[in-house]
Amino acid sequence: MKTFIYIFLVCLSTLISAQKKPSDYFKNPKTKVLVVGSFHFDYPNLDAHKTNKEDQVDVLSPKTAKEVTELVEYIKRFKPTKIAIEAWPGWNANQKLKEYSEGKHRDKRDERYQLAMRIASELKITELFSIDAESILDDLEKHFGKTDSAFFKNLSKDYDFRSDDPISQQFIAFYKSSEPKNFKSLLDTFTYMNSKESHQYGYGAYLSGDFTLREYDGADMLALYWYSRNLRMFRNIQNIPHNGEDRILVIAGNGHAAVLRQLFTSSAEYEFIEFSSLK
């Protein structure tokens, strides 16, 4: 009897060990992706969280300019072969990159100049990929007409990213604590902003506040607007010609980065590189 039990356990163990892990089925070479979530260096304050004037940093000031250089040198350790930026096609990124390589735009505070174009120029990368996209909600409103549609009016009523519930107030405190003035350098700021935990809560911010509007309106608005936009941005990145040897650097607002982290870590096509791992 003992012998039988022993043989049974050995056979069971063999069967269990023979079962592959899910990752064992996806051995194709994966394109490495580094997503760098950023605050907007020129502070257009178009996002839900707005930075007060006295809390803003000037990336062109001598002290902060040195920190920008340190940050650029750190990101360059990733050795990107392609660079994607949060920009509309009409922004004409590649024309601006050409002008940047000729010495223009060095006084622009926008992170697309200070980070993306500077890195591209220093690494001899001659093309930027603009990946911003409108959402399916934008398309529907153009097709059906937002002002004439009671459906869209009712759906989007009070959806403004401003809520007074306790969790939303906690997120306001979290965002304020993440501002550059609370760190000794921009590199420290970006390391904090791009941590797994920071992105986890940044993603979770969209699951409270306006998300709870009425029964499903908040959830539907998140799907139709914010999540749709980020899925389309991910699709635009997929359309960048790439292979297993490529290394794609994505520079976007940190709200986008939090969603893109989830998409890239779930994709069998890409290998998500942690910002903090660039030693």
Protein backbone atom coordinates (compact mmCIF):
# COMPACT_ATOMS: atom_id res chain seq x y z
CA MET A 1 0.00 0.00 0.00
CA LYS A 2 2.79 2.41 0.88
CA THR A 3 4.52 1.57 -2.39
CA PHE A 4 1.34 2.30 -4.33
CA ILE A 5 0.87 5.66 -2.59
CA TYR A 6 4.50 6.56 -3.26
CA ILE A 7 4.19 5.71 -6.98
CA PHE A 8 0.93 7.68 -7.17
CA LEU A 9 2.52 10.75 -5.60
CA VAL A 10 5.52 10.53 -7.91
CA CYS A 11 3.25 10.33 -10.95
CA LEU A 12 1.12 13.22 -9.69
CA SER A 13 4.23 15.32 -9.09
CA THR A 14 5.45 14.56 -12.62
CA LEU A 15 2.14 15.63 -14.13
CA ILE A 16 2.09 18.86 -12.13
CA SER A 17 5.68 19.74 -13.02
CA ALA A 18 4.99 19.00 -16.69
CA GLN A 19 2.31 21.70 -16.86
CA LYS A 20 3.79 24.78 -18.46
CA LYS A 21 3.59 28.23 -16.96
CA PRO A 22 1.52 30.71 -18.99
CA SER A 23 4.68 32.62 -19.91
CA ASP A 24 6.19 29.43 -21.39
CA TYR A 25 3.80 29.76 -24.32
CA PHE A 26 5.09 33.21 -25.29
CA LYS A 27 8.78 32.85 -26.09
CA ASN A 28 8.82 35.17 -29.10
CA PRO A 29 11.35 38.02 -28.83
CA LYS A 30 9.60 40.94 -27.16
CA THR A 31 10.15 44.60 -27.94
CA LYS A 32 11.37 46.42 -24.84
CA VAL A 33 9.36 49.50 -23.89
CA LEU A 34 10.20 52.21 -21.38
CA VAL A 35 7.23 54.41 -20.51
CA VAL A 36 8.31 57.69 -18.95
CA GLY A 37 5.36 59.40 -17.31
CA SER A 38 5.97 63.12 -17.03
CA PHE A 39 4.33 66.26 -15.70
CA HIS A 40 3.97 68.91 -18.38
CA PHE A 41 7.06 71.11 -18.13
CA ASP A 42 5.33 74.20 -19.50
CA TYR A 43 2.35 73.86 -17.14
CA PRO A 44 -0.59 74.34 -19.54
CA ASN A 45 -2.78 73.20 -16.60
CA LEU A 46 -5.26 71.45 -18.87
CA ASP A 47 -5.35 68.30 -16.72
CA ALA A 48 -7.61 67.62 -13.75
CA HIS A 49 -4.76 68.35 -11.32
CA LYS A 50 -3.46 71.88 -11.72
CA THR A 51 -0.21 73.15 -10.22
CA ASN A 52 -0.26 76.54 -8.53
CA LYS A 53 2.14 79.12 -9.97
CA GLU A 54 4.24 79.22 -6.80
CA ASP A 55 4.68 75.43 -6.92
CA GLN A 56 5.88 75.26 -10.53
CA VAL A 57 9.52 74.70 -11.47
CA ASP A 58 11.27 76.45 -14.34
CA VAL A 59 13.15 73.82 -16.33
CA LEU A 60 15.19 76.57 -18.02
CA SER A 61 16.56 77.97 -14.76
CA PRO A 62 20.26 77.08 -14.18
CA LYS A 63 19.56 74.74 -11.25
CA THR A 64 16.68 72.84 -12.85
CA ALA A 65 18.39 72.76 -16.26
CA LYS A 66 21.17 70.72 -14.64
CA GLU A 67 18.54 68.38 -13.26
CA VAL A 68 17.04 68.03 -16.74
CA THR A 69 20.48 67.02 -18.02
CA GLU A 70 20.78 64.42 -15.25
CA LEU A 71 17.32 63.07 -16.13
CA VAL A 72 18.14 62.94 -19.86
CA GLU A 73 21.38 61.06 -19.21
CA TYR A 74 19.52 58.58 -17.02
CA ILE A 75 16.81 57.90 -19.65
CA LYS A 76 19.47 57.48 -22.34
CA ARG A 77 20.70 54.40 -20.47
CA PHE A 78 17.68 52.63 -21.94
CA LYS A 79 19.31 53.10 -25.39
CA PRO A 80 16.06 53.63 -27.29
CA THR A 81 15.85 52.96 -31.01
CA LYS A 82 12.38 54.54 -31.40
CA ILE A 83 10.76 57.42 -29.50
CA ALA A 84 7.01 57.97 -29.16
CA ILE A 85 5.51 61.14 -27.70
CA GLU A 86 2.13 62.41 -26.57
CA ALA A 87 1.43 64.66 -29.54
CA TRP A 88 -1.14 64.99 -32.30
CA PRO A 89 -0.01 64.33 -35.87
CA GLY A 90 -0.74 67.98 -36.63
CA TRP A 91 1.88 69.06 -34.10
CA ASN A 92 4.46 68.23 -36.81
CA ALA A 93 6.92 66.59 -34.45
CA ASN A 94 9.43 65.59 -37.09
CA GLN A 95 9.60 69.04 -38.61
CA LYS A 96 10.19 70.41 -35.12
CA LEU A 97 12.82 67.71 -34.48
CA LYS A 98 14.64 68.76 -37.66
CA GLU A 99 14.55 72.38 -36.49
CA TYR A 100 15.72 71.32 -33.04
CA SER A 101 18.73 69.56 -34.59
CA GLU A 102 19.52 72.88 -36.26
CA GLY A 103 19.64 74.63 -32.90
CA LYS A 104 16.07 75.94 -32.64
CA HIS A 105 13.49 75.41 -29.85
CA ARG A 106 16.10 75.03 -27.12
CA ASP A 107 14.23 77.65 -25.10
CA LYS A 108 10.93 75.73 -25.15
CA ARG A 109 9.95 74.30 -21.77
CA ASP A 110 7.67 71.56 -23.16
CA GLU A 111 8.98 68.09 -22.19
CA ARG A 112 8.71 67.02 -25.82
CA TYR A 113 11.57 69.40 -26.53
CA GLN A 114 13.46 69.13 -23.24
CA LEU A 115 13.34 65.32 -23.09
CA ALA A 116 12.19 63.65 -26.32
CA MET A 117 13.91 65.87 -28.88
CA ARG A 118 17.03 66.27 -26.82
CA ILE A 119 17.37 62.51 -26.38
CA ALA A 120 16.61 61.90 -30.07
CA SER A 121 19.18 64.51 -31.13
CA GLU A 122 21.91 63.19 -28.85
CA LEU A 123 21.28 59.58 -29.92
CA LYS A 124 21.02 60.47 -33.64
CA ILE A 125 17.39 59.36 -33.85
CA THR A 126 15.78 61.26 -36.72
CA GLU A 127 12.10 60.38 -36.28
CA LEU A 128 9.53 60.84 -33.54
CA PHE A 129 6.19 59.01 -33.47
CA SER A 130 3.17 61.07 -32.41
CA ILE A 131 0.76 58.75 -30.61
CA ASP A 132 -1.98 60.95 -29.15
CA ALA A 133 -5.52 60.07 -30.20
CA GLU A 134 -9.06 61.24 -29.75
CA SER A 135 -11.49 58.90 -28.02
CA ILE A 136 -14.49 57.04 -29.38
CA LEU A 137 -16.59 59.60 -27.46
CA ASP A 138 -15.07 62.38 -29.57
CA ASP A 139 -15.94 60.42 -32.72
CA LEU A 140 -19.51 59.79 -31.56
CA GLU A 141 -20.03 63.43 -30.63
CA LYS A 142 -18.77 64.54 -34.06
CA HIS A 143 -21.08 62.06 -35.76
CA PHE A 144 -24.23 62.62 -33.71
CA GLY A 145 -23.64 66.16 -32.46
CA LYS A 146 -23.01 66.76 -28.78
CA THR A 147 -25.15 69.86 -28.44
CA ASP A 148 -28.17 68.25 -30.10
CA SER A 149 -28.05 64.96 -28.25
CA ALA A 150 -29.93 64.55 -24.97
CA PHE A 151 -28.17 61.21 -24.58
CA PHE A 152 -24.68 62.72 -24.51
CA LYS A 153 -25.83 65.61 -22.34
CA ASN A 154 -27.24 63.25 -19.73
CA LEU A 155 -24.30 60.87 -19.93
CA SER A 156 -21.65 63.55 -19.41
CA LYS A 157 -23.52 65.69 -16.89
CA ASP A 158 -21.21 66.58 -13.97
CA TYR A 159 -18.33 64.52 -15.43
CA ASP A 160 -15.59 67.09 -14.81
CA PHE A 161 -12.89 65.31 -12.72
CA ARG A 162 -13.82 67.45 -9.71
CA SER A 163 -15.27 65.59 -6.75
CA ASP A 164 -15.45 66.24 -3.02
CA ASP A 165 -15.67 62.68 -1.72
CA PRO A 166 -12.98 61.55 0.78
CA ILE A 167 -11.09 59.33 -1.67
CA SER A 168 -10.89 62.12 -4.26
CA GLN A 169 -9.50 64.43 -1.59
CA GLN A 170 -6.85 61.82 -0.78
CA PHE A 171 -5.87 61.78 -4.44
CA ILE A 172 -5.53 65.57 -4.43
CA ALA A 173 -3.12 65.29 -1.50
CA PHE A 174 -1.23 62.50 -3.30
CA TYR A 175 -0.83 64.58 -6.47
CA LYS A 176 0.34 67.62 -4.53
CA SER A 177 2.97 65.52 -2.76
CA SER A 178 4.19 64.29 -6.16
CA GLU A 179 5.08 67.76 -7.43
CA PRO A 180 8.79 68.41 -8.21
CA LYS A 181 9.19 70.95 -5.42
CA ASN A 182 8.93 68.09 -2.92
CA PHE A 183 11.98 66.24 -4.29
CA LYS A 184 15.68 67.03 -4.35
CA SER A 185 15.93 66.53 -8.13
CA LEU A 186 13.87 65.88 -11.25
CA LEU A 187 15.32 62.39 -11.46
CA ASP A 188 13.99 61.65 -7.98
CA THR A 189 10.63 63.12 -9.03
CA PHE A 190 10.43 60.90 -12.12
CA THR A 191 11.56 57.80 -10.23
CA TYR A 192 8.74 58.36 -7.74
CA MET A 193 6.14 59.21 -10.39
CA ASN A 194 7.01 56.16 -12.49
CA SER A 195 7.09 53.62 -9.69
CA LYS A 196 4.72 50.68 -9.83
CA GLU A 197 2.88 51.86 -6.71
CA SER A 198 2.52 55.42 -7.97
CA HIS A 199 1.09 54.20 -11.28
CA GLN A 200 -1.21 51.81 -9.44
CA TYR A 201 -2.82 54.64 -7.51
CA GLY A 202 -2.68 56.96 -10.52
CA TYR A 203 -4.72 54.38 -12.42
CA GLY A 204 -7.05 53.96 -9.46
CA ALA A 205 -7.79 57.68 -9.40
CA TYR A 206 -10.12 57.16 -12.35
CA LEU A 207 -12.10 54.51 -10.45
CA SER A 208 -13.42 56.95 -7.86
CA GLY A 209 -14.98 60.40 -7.90
CA ASP A 210 -16.80 60.89 -11.22
CA PHE A 211 -16.62 57.14 -11.83
CA THR A 212 -19.50 56.79 -9.34
CA LEU A 213 -21.84 59.19 -11.16
CA ARG A 214 -25.33 57.73 -11.24
CA GLU A 215 -25.62 54.02 -11.99
CA TYR A 216 -23.31 53.52 -14.96
CA ASP A 217 -22.76 57.01 -16.43
CA GLY A 218 -19.39 57.49 -14.74
CA ALA A 219 -18.20 54.04 -15.77
CA ASP A 220 -19.41 54.54 -19.33
CA MET A 221 -17.75 57.94 -19.59
CA LEU A 222 -14.44 56.47 -18.39
CA ALA A 223 -14.68 53.74 -21.04
CA LEU A 224 -15.79 56.04 -23.85
CA TYR A 225 -13.38 58.88 -23.14
CA TRP A 226 -10.30 58.21 -21.04
CA TYR A 227 -9.83 54.47 -21.49
CA SER A 228 -10.67 54.62 -25.17
CA ARG A 229 -8.10 57.36 -25.71
CA ASN A 230 -5.37 55.36 -24.01
CA LEU A 231 -6.24 52.16 -25.85
CA ARG A 232 -5.93 54.08 -29.10
CA MET A 233 -2.58 55.49 -28.00
CA PHE A 234 -1.44 51.93 -27.30
CA ARG A 235 -2.68 50.93 -30.76
CA ASN A 236 -0.66 53.78 -32.28
CA ILE A 237 2.42 52.43 -30.52
CA GLN A 238 1.69 48.97 -31.92
CA ASN A 239 1.71 50.54 -35.38
CA ILE A 240 5.28 51.79 -34.93
CA PRO A 241 7.45 49.43 -37.03
CA HIS A 242 9.33 47.29 -34.54
CA ASN A 243 10.93 43.93 -33.90
CA GLY A 244 12.49 42.10 -30.97
CA GLU A 245 15.66 44.17 -31.27
CA ASP A 246 13.89 47.52 -30.92
CA ARG A 247 13.66 49.54 -27.73
CA ILE A 248 10.76 51.98 -27.70
CA LEU A 249 10.81 55.01 -25.42
CA VAL A 250 7.36 56.47 -24.73
CA ILE A 251 7.13 59.94 -23.16
CA ALA A 252 3.62 60.97 -22.09
CA GLY A 253 1.71 62.55 -19.26
CA ASN A 254 1.82 60.38 -16.18
CA GLY A 255 -1.94 59.79 -16.25
CA HIS A 256 -1.45 58.05 -19.59
CA ALA A 257 1.62 56.21 -18.29
CA ALA A 258 -0.40 54.59 -15.52
CA VAL A 259 -2.78 53.04 -18.08
CA LEU A 260 -0.03 52.21 -20.57
CA ARG A 261 1.84 50.31 -17.84
CA GLN A 262 -1.15 48.01 -17.45
CA LEU A 263 -1.46 47.49 -21.19
CA PHE A 264 2.24 46.81 -21.81
CA THR A 265 2.65 44.46 -18.85
CA SER A 266 -0.35 42.44 -20.07
CA SER A 267 0.79 42.33 -23.70
CA ALA A 268 2.60 39.27 -25.06
CA GLU A 269 4.26 41.54 -27.63
CA TYR A 270 6.25 43.84 -25.33
CA GLU A 271 8.53 43.74 -22.32
CA PHE A 272 7.80 46.59 -19.93
CA ILE A 273 10.98 48.09 -18.45
CA GLU A 274 10.80 49.64 -15.01
CA PHE A 275 12.04 53.22 -14.92
CA SER A 276 13.99 52.55 -11.72
CA SER A 277 15.90 49.66 -13.33
CA LEU A 278 18.13 51.82 -15.56
CA LYS A 279 21.29 51.40 -13.52
